[in-house]
Amino acid sequence: MQFKRVVVTGIGALTPIGNTKDEYWSNLENGVSGADFITRFDPEKFKTRFACEVKNFKVEDHLDRREHRRMDPYTHYAMVVADEAMRDAGMADEADRPDPDRSGVIWGSGIGGLHTLLHETRSFIDGDGTPRISPFFIPMMISDIASGYISMKYNLRGPNFTAVSACASSNNAIMDAFTYLRMGKADVMITGGSEACVNELAMGGFNSMKALSGRNDDPKTASRPFDKDRDGFVLGEGAAALVLETLEHAKARGAKIYCEIGGGGLSADAHHITAPHPEGLGASNAMRYALADAELAETDIDYVNVHGTSTPLGDLAETKAIQTVFGEHAYDLNISSTKSMTGHLLGAAGAVEALACILAITKGIVPPTINHFTDDEVFDPRLNFTFNEAQKREVNAALSNTFGFGGHNVSLIMKKFSE
């Protein structure tokens, strides 16, 4: 079977460091931290009192009241970034939209409507026991509803579902969308991911498992990937969307092209429900499979946007995997964790970081890993973690890693487009 080439023609972002793709990139390039004290609820009794929240966002600026009241915030975010990506791709207006039966949506969310679940549970418990449950409770909460709403807005009747694989969810979604396109089962796909879980349940749960940083004295520097004093991740929220098309479809309509999706690799650690394999076995396999799928050599990769959550075990395991896969070429790579700025967006992390790779390719700039203060002797000092400042570099191919609880691993490769 002759696979079709797949390109990126539109992108959208809503993140803790920018509410559009351009704001996101500007702050990413300039090393801006999105972490601050929580405003969504009173965090006084929580071990961690900060997060990377989306800021200055008013849903009523984007969706009408009747519409947004029937959606969880994770769906709000999905709708906003899908709209930006479709406008960016030149497909927002009805007259410019693709064939509905050849176009679809594959989305990613690790948790879905957690705000809705918390709200409805509270309402029931605080009441008199009468089950006064919103008729919209179930469709607001379920993780697949964002893809359904996006498809209805743009009348996309092709493949439609949501990938749920914890923090690997949106990279899984992108990989699935890429696969449907390359196999000729669709011409256009909207893909990406969204997450909105800065609330008491998520913060309490992650605190209980000792996953979050407790650096309440200095939230903005709390996410410290590869630093000796890293002590856990910073919870983030937001979304990102990509419009993917077959190359022939994009060329036929004269679309601008950001880059090409080269390939991807999937694997499982088969090791532990939350901890990574200590030698990065699953991560190594995912990267190897991605290289083979893209038909690229290790030396073809210029930049690796790592999962890099700022946890003691995770950062080390991923670094071991990179050195295992890339060998001596590992020292020629730029490596960075943009979670040092955005925090960890859970199921939306992969899509947000795929955008970082796409823009690194188009701009010729590698975003930094900020908040580095103290070298950790467990890491090879010859590795270039792009600490604290962005670096100019021609990026012909970038690899993005996302790993999720349950041992799910996804590596995606994006490369500079050429005829």
Protein backbone atom coordinates (compact mmCIF):
# COMPACT_ATOMS: atom_id res chain seq x y z
CA MET A 1 0.00 0.00 0.00
CA GLN A 2 1.33 3.44 -0.93
CA PHE A 3 0.89 5.75 2.05
CA LYS A 4 -0.20 9.34 1.46
CA ARG A 5 1.89 12.21 2.80
CA VAL A 6 0.29 14.21 5.62
CA VAL A 7 0.89 17.90 6.37
CA VAL A 8 -0.10 20.45 9.01
CA THR A 9 -2.04 23.40 7.60
CA GLY A 10 -3.58 25.01 10.70
CA ILE A 11 -2.81 25.32 14.41
CA GLY A 12 -4.48 26.81 17.48
CA ALA A 13 -3.43 27.16 21.12
CA LEU A 14 -4.91 28.11 24.50
CA THR A 15 -2.28 27.67 27.18
CA PRO A 16 -1.08 29.01 30.53
CA ILE A 17 1.41 31.20 28.64
CA GLY A 18 -0.75 32.42 25.77
CA ASN A 19 -4.32 32.27 24.53
CA THR A 20 -3.44 32.11 20.83
CA LYS A 21 -0.76 30.32 18.85
CA ASP A 22 1.21 33.55 18.45
CA GLU A 23 1.07 34.47 22.16
CA TYR A 24 2.01 30.92 23.06
CA TRP A 25 5.07 30.93 20.81
CA SER A 26 6.24 34.40 21.89
CA ASN A 27 6.21 33.44 25.56
CA LEU A 28 7.67 30.02 24.83
CA GLU A 29 10.58 31.58 22.97
CA ASN A 30 11.13 34.12 25.73
CA GLY A 31 11.04 31.61 28.58
CA VAL A 32 7.95 32.87 30.40
CA SER A 33 6.61 30.80 33.29
CA GLY A 34 2.87 30.21 33.44
CA ALA A 35 2.84 29.10 37.07
CA ASP A 36 1.20 31.14 39.81
CA PHE A 37 -1.06 30.77 42.83
CA ILE A 38 -4.41 29.11 42.12
CA THR A 39 -7.42 31.35 41.50
CA ARG A 40 -10.01 28.65 40.63
CA PHE A 41 -10.59 27.74 44.30
CA ASP A 42 -9.15 28.47 47.75
CA PRO A 43 -6.03 26.27 47.91
CA GLU A 44 -5.07 27.18 51.48
CA LYS A 45 -5.50 23.66 52.88
CA PHE A 46 -3.71 21.96 49.98
CA LYS A 47 -0.07 20.90 50.02
CA THR A 48 0.40 22.53 46.60
CA ARG A 49 -1.25 25.95 46.22
CA PHE A 50 -0.18 26.85 42.68
CA ALA A 51 -0.73 25.67 39.11
CA CYS A 52 -0.45 26.78 35.50
CA GLU A 53 -3.92 28.15 34.84
CA VAL A 54 -5.23 29.60 31.59
CA LYS A 55 -5.39 33.37 32.18
CA ASN A 56 -7.62 36.20 30.96
CA PHE A 57 -9.97 33.78 29.28
CA LYS A 58 -13.69 34.51 29.08
CA VAL A 59 -15.70 31.78 27.44
CA GLU A 60 -18.50 34.22 26.59
CA ASP A 61 -16.08 35.97 24.24
CA HIS A 62 -16.03 32.80 22.14
CA LEU A 63 -19.30 30.90 22.64
CA ASP A 64 -22.86 32.05 23.22
CA ARG A 65 -24.35 31.61 26.68
CA ARG A 66 -26.79 28.85 25.81
CA GLU A 67 -23.99 26.90 24.17
CA HIS A 68 -21.23 27.22 26.75
CA ARG A 69 -23.49 26.49 29.74
CA ARG A 70 -23.94 22.98 28.39
CA MET A 71 -20.20 22.31 28.12
CA ASP A 72 -17.46 21.49 30.59
CA PRO A 73 -14.44 23.84 30.50
CA TYR A 74 -12.38 21.18 28.75
CA THR A 75 -14.84 21.39 25.86
CA HIS A 76 -14.74 25.21 25.94
CA TYR A 77 -11.00 24.99 25.42
CA ALA A 78 -11.37 22.45 22.62
CA MET A 79 -13.87 24.61 20.73
CA VAL A 80 -11.69 27.71 20.97
CA VAL A 81 -8.51 26.08 19.68
CA ALA A 82 -10.34 24.20 16.93
CA ASP A 83 -11.77 27.51 15.76
CA GLU A 84 -8.33 29.14 15.68
CA ALA A 85 -6.84 26.18 13.81
CA MET A 86 -9.65 26.12 11.25
CA ARG A 87 -9.31 29.86 10.67
CA ASP A 88 -5.56 29.45 10.37
CA ALA A 89 -6.11 26.72 7.78
CA GLY A 90 -8.55 28.88 5.81
CA MET A 91 -11.48 26.56 6.50
CA ALA A 92 -13.55 28.47 9.05
CA ASP A 93 -16.16 29.80 6.64
CA GLU A 94 -18.78 27.36 5.45
CA ALA A 95 -17.93 27.93 1.79
CA ASP A 96 -14.30 26.94 2.43
CA ARG A 97 -14.89 23.77 4.42
CA PRO A 98 -13.80 20.38 3.12
CA ASP A 99 -16.00 17.52 1.96
CA PRO A 100 -17.84 16.58 5.19
CA ASP A 101 -17.77 12.86 4.48
CA ARG A 102 -14.00 12.92 3.96
CA SER A 103 -13.21 14.96 7.08
CA GLY A 104 -13.22 14.11 10.78
CA VAL A 105 -12.13 14.85 14.32
CA ILE A 106 -9.92 12.78 16.59
CA TRP A 107 -9.37 14.44 19.95
CA GLY A 108 -7.45 13.62 23.13
CA SER A 109 -8.29 14.14 26.80
CA GLY A 110 -6.96 12.22 29.73
CA ILE A 111 -9.75 13.08 32.17
CA GLY A 112 -12.53 14.96 30.37
CA GLY A 113 -15.22 16.80 32.35
CA LEU A 114 -13.78 16.69 35.86
CA HIS A 115 -15.20 20.12 36.74
CA THR A 116 -18.68 18.90 35.85
CA LEU A 117 -18.26 15.70 37.86
CA LEU A 118 -17.15 17.69 40.92
CA HIS A 119 -19.98 20.22 40.58
CA GLU A 120 -22.77 17.66 40.19
CA THR A 121 -21.43 15.50 43.03
CA ARG A 122 -21.29 18.50 45.35
CA SER A 123 -24.81 19.54 44.39
CA PHE A 124 -26.13 16.08 45.25
CA ILE A 125 -24.23 15.72 48.52
CA ASP A 126 -25.11 19.23 49.71
CA GLY A 127 -28.79 18.70 48.91
CA ASP A 128 -31.47 16.69 50.67
CA GLY A 129 -30.73 13.45 48.84
CA THR A 130 -33.10 14.14 45.97
CA PRO A 131 -31.25 13.31 42.73
CA ARG A 132 -31.54 16.72 41.09
CA ILE A 133 -28.91 15.94 38.49
CA SER A 134 -28.52 18.11 35.42
CA PRO A 135 -29.80 16.45 32.24
CA PHE A 136 -26.56 17.63 30.68
CA PHE A 137 -24.36 16.00 33.35
CA ILE A 138 -23.39 12.90 31.37
CA PRO A 139 -22.73 14.58 27.99
CA MET A 140 -20.80 17.38 29.72
CA MET A 141 -18.59 14.95 31.63
CA ILE A 142 -17.71 12.27 29.08
CA SER A 143 -14.28 12.50 27.48
CA ASP A 144 -15.46 12.11 23.90
CA ILE A 145 -17.92 15.00 23.79
CA ALA A 146 -15.40 17.62 22.64
CA SER A 147 -14.77 15.75 19.39
CA GLY A 148 -18.52 15.47 18.90
CA TYR A 149 -19.06 19.21 19.36
CA ILE A 150 -16.22 20.09 16.97
CA SER A 151 -17.64 17.79 14.31
CA MET A 152 -21.10 19.33 14.66
CA LYS A 153 -19.79 22.88 14.42
CA TYR A 154 -17.96 22.22 11.15
CA ASN A 155 -20.22 19.45 9.79
CA LEU A 156 -17.42 16.89 9.66
CA ARG A 157 -18.95 13.45 9.20
CA GLY A 158 -15.84 11.31 8.87
CA PRO A 159 -13.95 9.45 11.64
CA ASN A 160 -14.81 10.86 15.07
CA PHE A 161 -13.60 9.68 18.46
CA THR A 162 -11.40 10.54 21.42
CA ALA A 163 -8.16 8.90 22.51
CA VAL A 164 -7.78 8.42 26.27
CA SER A 165 -4.32 7.31 27.37
CA ALA A 166 -3.62 9.61 30.32
CA CYS A 167 -0.87 12.11 29.52
CA ALA A 168 -0.21 10.51 26.12
CA SER A 169 -3.81 11.11 24.97
CA SER A 170 -3.41 13.96 22.50
CA ASN A 171 -0.28 12.51 20.91
CA ASN A 172 -2.27 9.30 20.48
CA ALA A 173 -5.03 11.36 18.86
CA ILE A 174 -2.59 13.03 16.46
CA MET A 175 -1.09 9.65 15.60
CA ASP A 176 -4.55 8.21 14.90
CA ALA A 177 -5.54 11.18 12.73
CA PHE A 178 -2.26 10.86 10.83
CA THR A 179 -2.92 7.15 10.28
CA TYR A 180 -6.43 7.66 8.88
CA LEU A 181 -5.11 10.27 6.46
CA ARG A 182 -2.06 8.37 5.29
CA MET A 183 -4.23 5.32 4.60
CA GLY A 184 -6.58 7.38 2.45
CA LYS A 185 -9.60 7.04 4.77
CA ALA A 186 -9.99 10.83 5.03
CA ASP A 187 -8.69 14.04 3.46
CA VAL A 188 -8.80 16.41 6.46
CA MET A 189 -8.72 15.83 10.21
CA ILE A 190 -8.93 18.19 13.16
CA THR A 191 -6.91 16.74 16.01
CA GLY A 192 -5.32 17.76 19.29
CA GLY A 193 -6.35 17.70 22.92
CA SER A 194 -7.77 19.65 25.84
CA GLU A 195 -7.72 19.38 29.61
CA ALA A 196 -9.31 21.47 32.37
CA CYS A 197 -8.61 19.96 35.75
CA VAL A 198 -7.20 22.67 38.00
CA ASN A 199 -9.70 21.90 40.75
CA GLU A 200 -9.80 20.37 44.20
CA LEU A 201 -10.15 16.77 43.04
CA ALA A 202 -7.17 16.81 40.69
CA MET A 203 -4.93 18.81 43.00
CA GLY A 204 -5.81 16.63 45.97
CA GLY A 205 -5.35 13.41 44.03
CA PHE A 206 -1.98 14.30 42.57
CA ASN A 207 -0.82 15.66 45.95
CA SER A 208 -1.80 12.41 47.64
CA MET A 209 0.37 10.44 45.26
CA LYS A 210 3.24 12.91 45.79
CA ALA A 211 3.39 13.79 42.10
CA LEU A 212 3.24 17.60 42.36
CA SER A 213 5.89 20.13 43.26
CA GLY A 214 5.39 21.67 46.68
CA ARG A 215 7.42 24.80 45.99
CA ASN A 216 4.82 27.24 47.35
CA ASP A 217 7.54 29.77 48.18
CA ASP A 218 8.39 30.23 44.49
CA PRO A 219 5.70 28.91 42.12
CA LYS A 220 7.11 30.45 38.95
CA THR A 221 10.28 28.36 39.21
CA ALA A 222 8.61 25.20 40.53
CA SER A 223 8.75 23.27 37.26
CA ARG A 224 12.44 22.41 37.03
CA PRO A 225 13.02 19.59 34.54
CA PHE A 226 16.51 18.06 34.80
CA ASP A 227 17.44 20.29 37.74
CA LYS A 228 18.96 18.68 40.83
CA ASP A 229 16.20 20.14 43.01
CA ARG A 230 13.20 19.09 40.89
CA ASP A 231 10.42 17.86 43.16
CA GLY A 232 7.42 17.08 40.97
CA PHE A 233 5.34 18.50 38.16
CA VAL A 234 3.16 21.60 38.06
CA LEU A 235 -0.44 20.96 37.02
CA GLY A 236 -1.49 22.84 33.89
CA GLU A 237 -4.59 23.28 31.75
CA GLY A 238 -5.42 24.32 28.21
CA ALA A 239 -5.62 22.93 24.70
CA ALA A 240 -4.08 22.82 21.24
CA ALA A 241 -5.44 21.87 17.83
CA LEU A 242 -3.92 20.89 14.51
CA VAL A 243 -5.53 20.69 11.10
CA LEU A 244 -3.96 17.79 9.21
CA GLU A 245 -4.49 17.14 5.51
CA THR A 246 -3.20 14.82 2.89
CA LEU A 247 -0.60 16.63 0.84
CA GLU A 248 -2.62 16.28 -2.34
CA HIS A 249 -5.68 17.85 -0.70
CA ALA A 250 -3.65 20.73 0.74
CA LYS A 251 -1.96 21.43 -2.60
CA ALA A 252 -5.21 21.27 -4.51
CA ARG A 253 -6.67 24.12 -2.46
CA GLY A 254 -3.42 26.10 -2.25
CA ALA A 255 -3.05 25.79 1.52
CA LYS A 256 -0.04 27.06 3.42
CA ILE A 257 1.93 24.21 4.95
CA TYR A 258 3.66 24.39 8.31
CA CYS A 259 5.40 21.02 8.19
CA GLU A 260 4.90 17.37 7.43
CA ILE A 261 4.06 14.62 9.91
CA GLY A 262 6.86 12.11 9.47
CA GLY A 263 5.64 9.21 11.57
CA GLY A 264 5.08 7.96 15.07
CA GLY A 265 5.76 5.15 17.48
CA LEU A 266 3.65 3.59 20.24
CA SER A 267 4.71 1.33 23.09
CA ALA A 268 3.91 0.23 26.62
CA ASP A 269 6.25 0.02 29.60
CA ALA A 270 4.36 -2.99 31.03
CA HIS A 271 6.06 -2.05 34.29
CA HIS A 272 4.04 0.03 36.80
CA ILE A 273 0.78 1.99 36.92
CA THR A 274 2.48 5.36 37.48
CA ALA A 275 6.28 4.99 37.55
CA PRO A 276 8.28 4.82 34.30
CA HIS A 277 10.49 1.88 33.48
CA PRO A 278 13.75 2.86 35.24
CA GLU A 279 15.82 2.35 32.09
CA GLY A 280 13.26 4.01 29.84
CA LEU A 281 12.58 0.78 27.95
CA GLY A 282 9.13 1.74 26.67
CA ALA A 283 10.28 5.27 25.80
CA SER A 284 13.22 3.85 23.84
CA ASN A 285 10.93 1.58 21.88
CA ALA A 286 8.48 4.37 21.05
CA MET A 287 11.30 6.57 19.70
CA ARG A 288 12.80 3.72 17.68
CA TYR A 289 9.42 2.85 16.20
CA ALA A 290 8.83 6.51 15.30
CA LEU A 291 12.17 6.74 13.49
CA ALA A 292 11.45 3.54 11.58
CA ASP A 293 7.94 4.71 10.69
CA ALA A 294 9.26 8.05 9.41
CA GLU A 295 12.11 6.29 7.58
CA LEU A 296 14.63 8.57 9.29
CA ALA A 297 18.01 7.89 10.84
CA GLU A 298 18.83 9.00 14.36
CA THR A 299 21.10 11.67 12.91
CA ASP A 300 18.16 13.23 11.03
CA ILE A 301 16.59 14.46 14.28
CA ASP A 302 17.64 17.93 15.46
CA TYR A 303 15.33 18.57 18.39
CA VAL A 304 13.58 16.44 21.00
CA ASN A 305 10.73 18.00 22.95
CA VAL A 306 10.78 15.68 25.93
CA HIS A 307 8.00 14.59 28.23
CA GLY A 308 10.23 16.12 30.94
CA THR A 309 7.74 16.60 33.75
CA SER A 310 10.25 17.66 36.46
CA THR A 311 9.94 14.44 38.45
CA PRO A 312 13.02 12.68 39.85
CA LEU A 313 12.34 9.32 38.19
CA GLY A 314 10.72 10.42 34.94
CA ASP A 315 13.36 12.89 33.80
CA LEU A 316 16.16 10.40 34.40
CA ALA A 317 14.41 7.48 32.68
CA GLU A 318 13.66 9.57 29.59
CA THR A 319 17.23 10.81 29.38
CA LYS A 320 18.52 7.23 29.52
CA ALA A 321 16.13 6.34 26.71
CA ILE A 322 17.34 9.22 24.53
CA GLN A 323 20.96 8.17 24.98
CA THR A 324 20.09 4.55 24.27
CA VAL A 325 18.31 5.42 21.02
CA PHE A 326 20.53 8.22 19.69
CA GLY A 327 23.95 7.12 20.91
CA GLU A 328 26.65 9.70 20.11
CA HIS A 329 24.14 11.81 18.18
CA ALA A 330 22.40 12.53 21.50
CA TYR A 331 25.13 15.13 22.11
CA ASP A 332 24.23 16.94 18.89
CA LEU A 333 20.55 17.21 19.76
CA ASN A 334 18.76 20.13 21.30
CA ILE A 335 16.58 18.76 24.09
CA SER A 336 14.03 20.86 25.94
CA SER A 337 11.04 20.52 28.22
CA THR A 338 8.46 23.20 27.54
CA LYS A 339 6.59 21.96 30.63
CA SER A 340 9.02 24.16 32.52
CA MET A 341 6.83 27.02 31.22
CA THR A 342 3.37 25.56 30.60
CA GLY A 343 3.27 23.04 33.41
CA HIS A 344 1.91 19.59 32.67
CA LEU A 345 -1.36 19.75 30.72
CA LEU A 346 -1.99 16.02 31.18
CA GLY A 347 -4.00 14.76 28.19
CA ALA A 348 -3.45 18.03 26.30
CA ALA A 349 0.33 18.03 26.78
CA GLY A 350 1.15 16.19 23.56
CA ALA A 351 -0.78 18.57 21.31
CA VAL A 352 0.64 21.68 23.00
CA GLU A 353 4.15 20.28 22.67
CA ALA A 354 3.58 19.19 19.06
CA LEU A 355 2.90 22.87 18.36
CA ALA A 356 6.22 23.73 20.01
CA CYS A 357 7.94 21.34 17.60
CA ILE A 358 6.05 22.65 14.56
CA LEU A 359 6.94 26.24 15.40
CA ALA A 360 10.55 25.33 16.18
CA ILE A 361 10.75 23.93 12.64
CA THR A 362 9.14 26.96 11.02
CA LYS A 363 10.96 29.59 13.13
CA GLY A 364 14.39 27.95 13.37
CA ILE A 365 14.41 28.41 17.14
CA VAL A 366 14.42 25.79 19.91
CA PRO A 367 12.46 26.90 23.01
CA PRO A 368 14.27 26.58 26.32
CA THR A 369 14.02 24.49 29.45
CA ILE A 370 13.69 27.28 32.03
CA ASN A 371 14.19 27.23 35.80
CA HIS A 372 17.55 25.50 35.72
CA PHE A 373 19.66 26.45 38.73
CA THR A 374 21.67 23.41 39.80
CA ASP A 375 23.23 20.69 37.65
CA ASP A 376 22.34 17.13 38.60
CA GLU A 377 25.26 14.72 38.38
CA VAL A 378 22.92 11.90 37.27
CA PHE A 379 22.67 13.55 33.82
CA ASP A 380 25.43 13.44 31.24
CA PRO A 381 26.85 17.01 31.13
CA ARG A 382 27.41 16.68 27.36
CA LEU A 383 23.65 16.68 26.71
CA ASN A 384 22.22 20.02 25.57
CA PHE A 385 19.02 20.60 27.55
CA THR A 386 18.69 24.14 26.12
CA PHE A 387 18.73 25.54 29.63
CA ASN A 388 17.18 28.95 30.33
CA GLU A 389 17.50 30.53 26.87
CA ALA A 390 16.10 29.66 23.45
CA GLN A 391 18.67 28.69 20.84
CA LYS A 392 18.64 29.47 17.15
CA ARG A 393 19.04 26.34 15.09
CA GLU A 394 17.78 24.94 11.84
CA VAL A 395 15.33 22.23 12.80
CA ASN A 396 14.67 19.85 9.93
CA ALA A 397 13.04 17.19 12.09
CA ALA A 398 11.73 17.24 15.65
CA LEU A 399 10.57 14.42 17.89
CA SER A 400 7.95 14.88 20.61
CA ASN A 401 7.58 12.45 23.51
CA THR A 402 4.55 11.98 25.74
CA PHE A 403 4.18 9.26 28.35
CA GLY A 404 1.11 8.45 30.44
CA PHE A 405 0.14 6.66 33.63
CA GLY A 406 -0.44 3.03 32.76
CA GLY A 407 2.84 2.93 30.85
CA HIS A 408 1.55 4.46 27.59
CA ASN A 409 4.28 5.94 25.38
CA VAL A 410 3.93 7.93 22.16
CA SER A 411 6.66 9.54 20.07
CA LEU A 412 5.75 11.75 17.10
CA ILE A 413 8.08 13.07 14.42
CA MET A 414 7.44 16.29 12.52
CA LYS A 415 9.72 17.40 9.72
CA LYS A 416 10.28 20.38 7.47
CA PHE A 417 8.11 20.16 4.39
CA SER A 418 9.72 19.90 0.97
CA GLU A 419 8.37 18.82 -2.37
